[in-house]
Amino acid sequence: MTYCVAIKLNAGLVFLSDSRTNAGLDQISSFRKMMIYERAGDRFMVLLSAGNLSISQSVREILQVEQIEDRGDGPPVTIWNATSMFDVARVLGSAVRRIHERDGAALKRAGVDFNVSLVLGGQIQGEGMRLFQVYSAGNFIEATSETPYFQVGESKYGKPVLDRVLTPETPLDEAAKCALVSMDSTLKSNLSVGLPLDLVVYEEGRFATDKVVCIDENNPYFRMLHNSWGEKLREVFDSIEDPAWNGGVTDVPIRVDPTRSRPIKKITNPRDKLI
């Protein structure tokens, strides 16, 4: 399994992925889940992938040369000549469908689901930044100001901090920190996600970036973040008042009459009804 997160902000984009792939306890390997496509001054794009490794690798391979018909009379559209990120997402969706046409039936006969999840984000000269999530059928959705991030893979462990912290106005460095905390929470709770991590931060309107880093277990910033987050969580937890069951002085009693429901009923003998 894996975990990837991409965040779209007013100031730019943040991409983070792990590198663990496993096919059982005895088959754990490292494969990069991130691809960076850059033509300085013209376009900058990042692709994150999760799901079946053979499918995602095949999609990434043919994406370099995949073409779709132009909606006008122009030449075929590729990721290198597309004039919008929407068209790049269309090319990516076409690549996914092409792999499904090639391998889908054979995978089904072998009892393997066609499972791939992709996140594509970036900026092309002439338009703003855009972020898409692409599904196994090649269809896709786009991030909005209400939902400024996408996750693929083991998303549940790292989602709460993203929901509580991120807004479109969040600064890039703060969003990068938030993504790393999200990843740290996932690493803590799921063995199928592992180091090293790939982190990319893109500033709006640059069409290039030099903020590309690989984070392993010896990275001083990530070690500090891991230790600090655990310590601060414990401090905040300890600062919250325990529930007072037997009265006492408290401004926040736990035993109060609920407005709409009653406490759950006890069953005390075989004749009691469940409902």
C-alpha atoms as a PDB file:
ATOM      1  CA  MET A   1       0.000   0.000   0.000  1.00  0.00           C
ATOM      2  CA  THR A   2       1.027   3.624   0.020  1.00  0.00           C
ATOM      3  CA  TYR A   3       0.001   7.113   1.068  1.00  0.00           C
ATOM      4  CA  CYS A   4       0.146  10.242  -1.072  1.00  0.00           C
ATOM      5  CA  VAL A   5      -1.280  13.704  -0.474  1.00  0.00           C
ATOM      6  CA  ALA A   6      -1.433  16.779  -2.704  1.00  0.00           C
ATOM      7  CA  ILE A   7      -2.555  20.232  -1.556  1.00  0.00           C
ATOM      8  CA  LYS A   8      -3.645  23.216  -3.657  1.00  0.00           C
ATOM      9  CA  LEU A   9      -3.311  26.645  -2.035  1.00  0.00           C
ATOM     10  CA  ASN A  10      -3.462  30.220  -3.228  1.00  0.00           C
ATOM     11  CA  ALA A  11       0.322  30.365  -2.851  1.00  0.00           C
ATOM     12  CA  GLY A  12       1.174  27.109  -4.604  1.00  0.00           C
ATOM     13  CA  LEU A  13       1.067  23.329  -4.457  1.00  0.00           C
ATOM     14  CA  VAL A  14       2.446  20.726  -2.037  1.00  0.00           C
ATOM     15  CA  PHE A  15       2.988  17.063  -2.956  1.00  0.00           C
ATOM     16  CA  LEU A  16       4.094  14.288  -0.585  1.00  0.00           C
ATOM     17  CA  SER A  17       4.378  10.523  -1.115  1.00  0.00           C
ATOM     18  CA  ASP A  18       5.861   7.531   0.645  1.00  0.00           C
ATOM     19  CA  SER A  19       7.745   4.755  -1.150  1.00  0.00           C
ATOM     20  CA  ARG A  20       6.605   1.455   0.357  1.00  0.00           C
ATOM     21  CA  THR A  21       5.030  -1.301  -1.687  1.00  0.00           C
ATOM     22  CA  ASN A  22       4.092  -4.676  -0.249  1.00  0.00           C
ATOM     23  CA  ALA A  23       2.627  -7.891  -1.556  1.00  0.00           C
ATOM     24  CA  GLY A  24       2.674  -9.642   1.807  1.00  0.00           C
ATOM     25  CA  LEU A  25       4.891  -9.666   4.867  1.00  0.00           C
ATOM     26  CA  ASP A  26       7.798 -11.216   2.970  1.00  0.00           C
ATOM     27  CA  GLN A  27       7.591  -8.929  -0.061  1.00  0.00           C
ATOM     28  CA  ILE A  28       8.098  -5.351   1.086  1.00  0.00           C
ATOM     29  CA  SER A  29       9.943  -3.066  -1.317  1.00  0.00           C
ATOM     30  CA  SER A  30      10.544   0.608  -2.037  1.00  0.00           C
ATOM     31  CA  PHE A  31       9.202   2.222  -5.211  1.00  0.00           C
ATOM     32  CA  ARG A  32       8.834   5.941  -5.817  1.00  0.00           C
ATOM     33  CA  LYS A  33       5.195   7.026  -6.196  1.00  0.00           C
ATOM     34  CA  MET A  34       5.911  10.504  -7.552  1.00  0.00           C
ATOM     35  CA  MET A  35       6.786  11.768 -11.024  1.00  0.00           C
ATOM     36  CA  ILE A  36       7.767  15.376 -11.804  1.00  0.00           C
ATOM     37  CA  TYR A  37       7.275  16.804 -15.299  1.00  0.00           C
ATOM     38  CA  GLU A  38       8.870  20.202 -15.829  1.00  0.00           C
ATOM     39  CA  ARG A  39       9.554  22.457 -18.791  1.00  0.00           C
ATOM     40  CA  ALA A  40      10.887  25.585 -17.132  1.00  0.00           C
ATOM     41  CA  GLY A  41       8.894  28.687 -17.981  1.00  0.00           C
ATOM     42  CA  ASP A  42       6.114  26.697 -19.675  1.00  0.00           C
ATOM     43  CA  ARG A  43       4.703  23.969 -17.456  1.00  0.00           C
ATOM     44  CA  PHE A  44       5.183  22.167 -14.158  1.00  0.00           C
ATOM     45  CA  MET A  45       3.275  18.998 -13.274  1.00  0.00           C
ATOM     46  CA  VAL A  46       3.446  16.298 -10.598  1.00  0.00           C
ATOM     47  CA  LEU A  47       1.837  12.850 -10.700  1.00  0.00           C
ATOM     48  CA  LEU A  48       1.221  10.732  -7.579  1.00  0.00           C
ATOM     49  CA  SER A  49       0.098   7.111  -7.801  1.00  0.00           C
ATOM     50  CA  ALA A  50      -1.336   4.423  -5.543  1.00  0.00           C
ATOM     51  CA  GLY A  51      -2.829   0.989  -6.122  1.00  0.00           C
ATOM     52  CA  ASN A  52      -1.528  -1.888  -8.215  1.00  0.00           C
ATOM     53  CA  LEU A  53       2.151  -1.173  -8.904  1.00  0.00           C
ATOM     54  CA  SER A  54       2.253  -2.820 -12.333  1.00  0.00           C
ATOM     55  CA  ILE A  55      -0.726  -0.747 -13.478  1.00  0.00           C
ATOM     56  CA  SER A  56       0.630   2.549 -12.168  1.00  0.00           C
ATOM     57  CA  GLN A  57       4.058   1.906 -13.702  1.00  0.00           C
ATOM     58  CA  SER A  58       2.469   1.105 -17.064  1.00  0.00           C
ATOM     59  CA  VAL A  59       0.359   4.261 -16.939  1.00  0.00           C
ATOM     60  CA  ARG A  60       3.380   6.393 -16.119  1.00  0.00           C
ATOM     61  CA  GLU A  61       5.355   4.827 -18.954  1.00  0.00           C
ATOM     62  CA  ILE A  62       2.836   5.445 -21.726  1.00  0.00           C
ATOM     63  CA  LEU A  63       1.826   8.855 -20.355  1.00  0.00           C
ATOM     64  CA  GLN A  64       5.025  10.228 -21.887  1.00  0.00           C
ATOM     65  CA  VAL A  65       3.748   9.461 -25.398  1.00  0.00           C
ATOM     66  CA  GLU A  66      -0.037   9.156 -24.970  1.00  0.00           C
ATOM     67  CA  GLN A  67      -2.087  11.297 -27.364  1.00  0.00           C
ATOM     68  CA  ILE A  68      -5.736  12.281 -27.572  1.00  0.00           C
ATOM     69  CA  GLU A  69      -7.565  14.052 -30.353  1.00  0.00           C
ATOM     70  CA  ASP A  70      -7.725  17.826 -30.217  1.00  0.00           C
ATOM     71  CA  ARG A  71     -11.247  19.198 -29.861  1.00  0.00           C
ATOM     72  CA  GLY A  72     -10.511  21.471 -32.830  1.00  0.00           C
ATOM     73  CA  ASP A  73      -8.368  20.888 -35.884  1.00  0.00           C
ATOM     74  CA  GLY A  74      -5.023  21.014 -34.075  1.00  0.00           C
ATOM     75  CA  PRO A  75      -2.414  18.286 -33.601  1.00  0.00           C
ATOM     76  CA  PRO A  76      -2.983  15.455 -31.105  1.00  0.00           C
ATOM     77  CA  VAL A  77      -2.799  16.570 -27.476  1.00  0.00           C
ATOM     78  CA  THR A  78      -0.011  15.277 -25.210  1.00  0.00           C
ATOM     79  CA  ILE A  79       1.100  16.260 -21.734  1.00  0.00           C
ATOM     80  CA  TRP A  80       3.832  18.352 -23.371  1.00  0.00           C
ATOM     81  CA  ASN A  81       1.679  20.448 -25.717  1.00  0.00           C
ATOM     82  CA  ALA A  82      -1.619  20.608 -23.801  1.00  0.00           C
ATOM     83  CA  THR A  83      -2.735  24.171 -23.178  1.00  0.00           C
ATOM     84  CA  SER A  84      -4.556  23.368 -19.931  1.00  0.00           C
ATOM     85  CA  MET A  85      -4.192  21.030 -16.976  1.00  0.00           C
ATOM     86  CA  PHE A  86      -7.699  19.798 -17.772  1.00  0.00           C
ATOM     87  CA  ASP A  87      -6.404  18.459 -21.080  1.00  0.00           C
ATOM     88  CA  VAL A  88      -3.431  16.879 -19.298  1.00  0.00           C
ATOM     89  CA  ALA A  89      -5.918  15.110 -17.008  1.00  0.00           C
ATOM     90  CA  ARG A  90      -7.778  13.912 -20.128  1.00  0.00           C
ATOM     91  CA  VAL A  91      -4.526  12.488 -21.507  1.00  0.00           C
ATOM     92  CA  LEU A  92      -3.853  10.741 -18.187  1.00  0.00           C
ATOM     93  CA  GLY A  93      -7.373   9.295 -18.156  1.00  0.00           C
ATOM     94  CA  SER A  94      -6.820   8.017 -21.694  1.00  0.00           C
ATOM     95  CA  ALA A  95      -3.581   6.337 -20.587  1.00  0.00           C
ATOM     96  CA  VAL A  96      -5.410   4.603 -17.731  1.00  0.00           C
ATOM     97  CA  ARG A  97      -8.095   3.327 -20.107  1.00  0.00           C
ATOM     98  CA  ARG A  98      -5.472   2.128 -22.571  1.00  0.00           C
ATOM     99  CA  ILE A  99      -3.824  -0.012 -19.877  1.00  0.00           C
ATOM    100  CA  HIS A 100      -7.248  -1.326 -18.856  1.00  0.00           C
ATOM    101  CA  GLU A 101      -7.959  -2.334 -22.464  1.00  0.00           C
ATOM    102  CA  ARG A 102      -4.587  -4.083 -22.623  1.00  0.00           C
ATOM    103  CA  ASP A 103      -4.479  -5.800 -19.226  1.00  0.00           C
ATOM    104  CA  GLY A 104      -7.967  -5.625 -17.694  1.00  0.00           C
ATOM    105  CA  ALA A 105      -9.280  -8.951 -18.982  1.00  0.00           C
ATOM    106  CA  ALA A 106      -6.112 -10.848 -18.060  1.00  0.00           C
ATOM    107  CA  LEU A 107      -6.110  -9.333 -14.572  1.00  0.00           C
ATOM    108  CA  LYS A 108      -9.759 -10.295 -14.114  1.00  0.00           C
ATOM    109  CA  ARG A 109      -9.044 -13.906 -15.122  1.00  0.00           C
ATOM    110  CA  ALA A 110      -6.279 -13.958 -12.522  1.00  0.00           C
ATOM    111  CA  GLY A 111      -8.630 -12.609  -9.857  1.00  0.00           C
ATOM    112  CA  VAL A 112      -6.862  -9.249  -9.648  1.00  0.00           C
ATOM    113  CA  ASP A 113      -8.821  -6.003  -9.563  1.00  0.00           C
ATOM    114  CA  PHE A 114      -7.843  -3.183 -11.895  1.00  0.00           C
ATOM    115  CA  ASN A 115      -6.942  -0.805  -9.094  1.00  0.00           C
ATOM    116  CA  VAL A 116      -5.106   2.467  -9.565  1.00  0.00           C
ATOM    117  CA  SER A 117      -5.595   5.919  -8.033  1.00  0.00           C
ATOM    118  CA  LEU A 118      -3.749   8.962  -9.320  1.00  0.00           C
ATOM    119  CA  VAL A 119      -3.361  12.603  -8.347  1.00  0.00           C
ATOM    120  CA  LEU A 120      -2.240  15.108 -10.962  1.00  0.00           C
ATOM    121  CA  GLY A 121      -1.437  18.722 -10.218  1.00  0.00           C
ATOM    122  CA  GLY A 122       0.485  21.602 -11.691  1.00  0.00           C
ATOM    123  CA  GLN A 123       0.358  24.740 -13.780  1.00  0.00           C
ATOM    124  CA  ILE A 124       0.642  25.501 -17.490  1.00  0.00           C
ATOM    125  CA  GLN A 125       1.529  28.920 -18.863  1.00  0.00           C
ATOM    126  CA  GLY A 126      -1.656  30.894 -19.480  1.00  0.00           C
ATOM    127  CA  GLU A 127      -3.805  29.471 -16.681  1.00  0.00           C
ATOM    128  CA  GLY A 128      -3.829  29.019 -12.916  1.00  0.00           C
ATOM    129  CA  MET A 129      -2.799  26.010 -10.886  1.00  0.00           C
ATOM    130  CA  ARG A 130      -5.094  22.985 -10.930  1.00  0.00           C
ATOM    131  CA  LEU A 131      -5.289  19.693  -9.049  1.00  0.00           C
ATOM    132  CA  PHE A 132      -7.112  16.516 -10.150  1.00  0.00           C
ATOM    133  CA  GLN A 133      -7.788  13.034  -8.810  1.00  0.00           C
ATOM    134  CA  VAL A 134      -8.014  10.365 -11.512  1.00  0.00           C
ATOM    135  CA  TYR A 135      -9.808   7.066 -10.938  1.00  0.00           C
ATOM    136  CA  SER A 136      -9.441   3.550 -12.341  1.00  0.00           C
ATOM    137  CA  ALA A 137     -11.929   4.253 -15.142  1.00  0.00           C
ATOM    138  CA  GLY A 138      -9.944   7.275 -16.300  1.00  0.00           C
ATOM    139  CA  ASN A 139     -12.566   9.724 -15.026  1.00  0.00           C
ATOM    140  CA  PHE A 140     -11.473  12.515 -12.714  1.00  0.00           C
ATOM    141  CA  ILE A 141     -12.516  15.296 -10.352  1.00  0.00           C
ATOM    142  CA  GLU A 142     -10.891  18.644  -9.586  1.00  0.00           C
ATOM    143  CA  ALA A 143      -9.969  20.176  -6.225  1.00  0.00           C
ATOM    144  CA  THR A 144     -11.930  23.239  -5.092  1.00  0.00           C
ATOM    145  CA  SER A 145     -11.484  25.907  -2.439  1.00  0.00           C
ATOM    146  CA  GLU A 146     -13.805  23.868  -0.199  1.00  0.00           C
ATOM    147  CA  THR A 147     -11.705  20.723  -0.712  1.00  0.00           C
ATOM    148  CA  PRO A 148      -8.151  21.935  -1.365  1.00  0.00           C
ATOM    149  CA  TYR A 149      -6.412  18.555  -1.141  1.00  0.00           C
ATOM    150  CA  PHE A 150      -6.541  14.990  -2.431  1.00  0.00           C
ATOM    151  CA  GLN A 151      -5.273  11.785  -0.824  1.00  0.00           C
ATOM    152  CA  VAL A 152      -4.721   8.350  -2.343  1.00  0.00           C
ATOM    153  CA  GLY A 153      -3.767   5.120  -0.629  1.00  0.00           C
ATOM    154  CA  GLU A 154      -3.994   4.816   3.159  1.00  0.00           C
ATOM    155  CA  SER A 155      -5.765   8.126   3.619  1.00  0.00           C
ATOM    156  CA  LYS A 156      -7.764   7.738   6.830  1.00  0.00           C
ATOM    157  CA  TYR A 157      -4.975   8.117   9.379  1.00  0.00           C
ATOM    158  CA  GLY A 158      -3.664  11.417   8.055  1.00  0.00           C
ATOM    159  CA  LYS A 159      -6.973  13.062   7.144  1.00  0.00           C
ATOM    160  CA  PRO A 160      -8.001  14.711  10.454  1.00  0.00           C
ATOM    161  CA  VAL A 161      -5.066  17.118  10.635  1.00  0.00           C
ATOM    162  CA  LEU A 162      -5.589  18.163   7.009  1.00  0.00           C
ATOM    163  CA  ASP A 163      -9.262  18.912   7.675  1.00  0.00           C
ATOM    164  CA  ARG A 164      -8.474  20.948  10.785  1.00  0.00           C
ATOM    165  CA  VAL A 165      -5.552  22.974   9.445  1.00  0.00           C
ATOM    166  CA  LEU A 166      -5.791  23.567   5.707  1.00  0.00           C
ATOM    167  CA  THR A 167      -7.532  26.459   3.967  1.00  0.00           C
ATOM    168  CA  PRO A 168      -6.712  28.035   0.587  1.00  0.00           C
ATOM    169  CA  GLU A 169      -4.933  30.838   2.480  1.00  0.00           C
ATOM    170  CA  THR A 170      -2.570  28.473   4.340  1.00  0.00           C
ATOM    171  CA  PRO A 171       1.094  29.432   3.663  1.00  0.00           C
ATOM    172  CA  LEU A 172       3.126  26.926   1.665  1.00  0.00           C
ATOM    173  CA  ASP A 173       5.600  26.085   4.427  1.00  0.00           C
ATOM    174  CA  GLU A 174       2.775  25.567   6.908  1.00  0.00           C
ATOM    175  CA  ALA A 175       0.993  23.296   4.434  1.00  0.00           C
ATOM    176  CA  ALA A 176       4.191  21.295   3.910  1.00  0.00           C
ATOM    177  CA  LYS A 177       4.445  20.868   7.676  1.00  0.00           C
ATOM    178  CA  CYS A 178       0.789  19.797   7.794  1.00  0.00           C
ATOM    179  CA  ALA A 179       1.373  17.218   5.048  1.00  0.00           C
ATOM    180  CA  LEU A 180       4.354  15.812   6.945  1.00  0.00           C
ATOM    181  CA  VAL A 181       2.320  15.565  10.158  1.00  0.00           C
ATOM    182  CA  SER A 182      -0.366  13.764   8.148  1.00  0.00           C
ATOM    183  CA  MET A 183       2.260  11.360   6.833  1.00  0.00           C
ATOM    184  CA  ASP A 184       3.764  10.855  10.296  1.00  0.00           C
ATOM    185  CA  SER A 185       0.337   9.911  11.676  1.00  0.00           C
ATOM    186  CA  THR A 186      -0.045   7.386   8.866  1.00  0.00           C
ATOM    187  CA  LEU A 187       3.422   5.926   9.401  1.00  0.00           C
ATOM    188  CA  LYS A 188       2.625   5.534  13.101  1.00  0.00           C
ATOM    189  CA  SER A 189      -0.572   3.572  12.472  1.00  0.00           C
ATOM    190  CA  ASN A 190       0.043   1.579   9.289  1.00  0.00           C
ATOM    191  CA  LEU A 191       2.975  -0.675   8.456  1.00  0.00           C
ATOM    192  CA  SER A 192       2.153  -0.666   4.737  1.00  0.00           C
ATOM    193  CA  VAL A 193       3.377   2.948   4.484  1.00  0.00           C
ATOM    194  CA  GLY A 194       7.080   3.638   4.899  1.00  0.00           C
ATOM    195  CA  LEU A 195      10.102   5.853   4.387  1.00  0.00           C
ATOM    196  CA  PRO A 196      11.720   7.380   2.424  1.00  0.00           C
ATOM    197  CA  LEU A 197       9.326  10.184   1.502  1.00  0.00           C
ATOM    198  CA  ASP A 198       9.331  12.480  -1.517  1.00  0.00           C
ATOM    199  CA  LEU A 199       8.282  16.094  -0.892  1.00  0.00           C
ATOM    200  CA  VAL A 200       7.792  18.777  -3.547  1.00  0.00           C
ATOM    201  CA  VAL A 201       6.687  22.375  -2.961  1.00  0.00           C
ATOM    202  CA  TYR A 202       5.718  24.540  -5.949  1.00  0.00           C
ATOM    203  CA  GLU A 203       5.214  28.314  -5.842  1.00  0.00           C
ATOM    204  CA  GLU A 204       2.410  29.735  -7.988  1.00  0.00           C
ATOM    205  CA  GLY A 205       3.545  31.208 -11.312  1.00  0.00           C
ATOM    206  CA  ARG A 206       7.097  29.811 -11.210  1.00  0.00           C
ATOM    207  CA  PHE A 207       6.654  26.934 -13.726  1.00  0.00           C
ATOM    208  CA  ALA A 208       9.638  25.249 -12.050  1.00  0.00           C
ATOM    209  CA  THR A 209      10.775  24.376  -8.554  1.00  0.00           C
ATOM    210  CA  ASP A 210      13.945  23.578  -6.672  1.00  0.00           C
ATOM    211  CA  LYS A 211      12.075  22.535  -3.522  1.00  0.00           C
ATOM    212  CA  VAL A 212      12.386  18.796  -4.050  1.00  0.00           C
ATOM    213  CA  VAL A 213      13.587  16.668  -1.137  1.00  0.00           C
ATOM    214  CA  CYS A 214      13.856  12.994  -0.214  1.00  0.00           C
ATOM    215  CA  ILE A 215      13.251  12.358   3.492  1.00  0.00           C
ATOM    216  CA  ASP A 216      14.628   9.231   5.175  1.00  0.00           C
ATOM    217  CA  GLU A 217      14.812   8.105   8.798  1.00  0.00           C
ATOM    218  CA  ASN A 218      17.879  10.281   9.409  1.00  0.00           C
ATOM    219  CA  ASN A 219      16.315  13.546   8.218  1.00  0.00           C
ATOM    220  CA  PRO A 220      16.700  15.996  11.138  1.00  0.00           C
ATOM    221  CA  TYR A 221      13.556  18.014  10.412  1.00  0.00           C
ATOM    222  CA  PHE A 222      11.301  14.970  10.108  1.00  0.00           C
ATOM    223  CA  ARG A 223      12.743  13.432  13.281  1.00  0.00           C
ATOM    224  CA  MET A 224      12.072  16.701  15.130  1.00  0.00           C
ATOM    225  CA  LEU A 225       8.528  16.881  13.749  1.00  0.00           C
ATOM    226  CA  HIS A 226       7.833  13.255  14.697  1.00  0.00           C
ATOM    227  CA  ASN A 227       9.029  13.743  18.275  1.00  0.00           C
ATOM    228  CA  SER A 228       7.409  17.159  18.741  1.00  0.00           C
ATOM    229  CA  TRP A 229       4.034  16.089  17.369  1.00  0.00           C
ATOM    230  CA  GLY A 230       3.872  13.093  19.695  1.00  0.00           C
ATOM    231  CA  GLU A 231       4.901  15.151  22.732  1.00  0.00           C
ATOM    232  CA  LYS A 232       2.526  18.042  21.994  1.00  0.00           C
ATOM    233  CA  LEU A 233      -0.397  15.699  21.385  1.00  0.00           C
ATOM    234  CA  ARG A 234       0.207  14.124  24.784  1.00  0.00           C
ATOM    235  CA  GLU A 235       0.431  17.545  26.441  1.00  0.00           C
ATOM    236  CA  VAL A 236      -2.846  18.686  24.887  1.00  0.00           C
ATOM    237  CA  PHE A 237      -4.523  15.394  25.802  1.00  0.00           C
ATOM    238  CA  ASP A 238      -3.389  15.695  29.417  1.00  0.00           C
ATOM    239  CA  SER A 239      -4.653  19.296  29.578  1.00  0.00           C
ATOM    240  CA  ILE A 240      -8.241  18.248  28.795  1.00  0.00           C
ATOM    241  CA  GLU A 241     -10.401  17.614  31.861  1.00  0.00           C
ATOM    242  CA  ASP A 242     -11.385  13.982  32.514  1.00  0.00           C
ATOM    243  CA  PRO A 243     -15.143  13.215  32.531  1.00  0.00           C
ATOM    244  CA  ALA A 244     -16.662  13.612  36.023  1.00  0.00           C
ATOM    245  CA  TRP A 245     -18.996  10.660  36.567  1.00  0.00           C
ATOM    246  CA  ASN A 246     -19.794  11.114  40.254  1.00  0.00           C
ATOM    247  CA  GLY A 247     -20.632  14.795  40.500  1.00  0.00           C
ATOM    248  CA  GLY A 248     -18.075  17.199  41.858  1.00  0.00           C
ATOM    249  CA  VAL A 249     -17.278  20.688  40.692  1.00  0.00           C
ATOM    250  CA  THR A 250     -17.100  20.975  36.925  1.00  0.00           C
ATOM    251  CA  ASP A 251     -18.295  23.364  34.241  1.00  0.00           C
ATOM    252  CA  VAL A 252     -18.594  20.554  31.711  1.00  0.00           C
ATOM    253  CA  PRO A 253     -20.630  17.682  33.192  1.00  0.00           C
ATOM    254  CA  ILE A 254     -20.909  14.553  31.091  1.00  0.00           C
ATOM    255  CA  ARG A 255     -24.172  13.367  32.651  1.00  0.00           C
ATOM    256  CA  VAL A 256     -26.848  15.669  31.257  1.00  0.00           C
ATOM    257  CA  ASP A 257     -30.235  15.042  29.696  1.00  0.00           C
ATOM    258  CA  PRO A 258     -29.749  14.778  25.926  1.00  0.00           C
ATOM    259  CA  THR A 259     -32.059  16.927  23.837  1.00  0.00           C
ATOM    260  CA  ARG A 260     -33.255  14.236  21.415  1.00  0.00           C
ATOM    261  CA  SER A 261     -32.205  10.794  22.667  1.00  0.00           C
ATOM    262  CA  ARG A 262     -32.105   8.735  25.831  1.00  0.00           C
ATOM    263  CA  PRO A 263     -29.235   6.669  27.255  1.00  0.00           C
ATOM    264  CA  ILE A 264     -29.097   3.186  25.774  1.00  0.00           C
ATOM    265  CA  LYS A 265     -31.352   0.658  27.464  1.00  0.00           C
ATOM    266  CA  LYS A 266     -29.911  -2.277  29.384  1.00  0.00           C
ATOM    267  CA  ILE A 267     -31.098  -5.828  28.713  1.00  0.00           C
ATOM    268  CA  THR A 268     -31.576  -7.560  32.065  1.00  0.00           C
ATOM    269  CA  ASN A 269     -33.482 -10.768  31.211  1.00  0.00           C
ATOM    270  CA  PRO A 270     -34.366 -12.982  28.211  1.00  0.00           C
ATOM    271  CA  ARG A 271     -37.830 -11.398  27.892  1.00  0.00           C
ATOM    272  CA  ASP A 272     -36.525  -7.888  27.241  1.00  0.00           C
ATOM    273  CA  LYS A 273     -37.030  -6.652  23.714  1.00  0.00           C
ATOM    274  CA  LEU A 274     -34.054  -5.514  21.706  1.00  0.00           C
ATOM    275  CA  ILE A 275     -35.997  -2.639  20.143  1.00  0.00           C
END
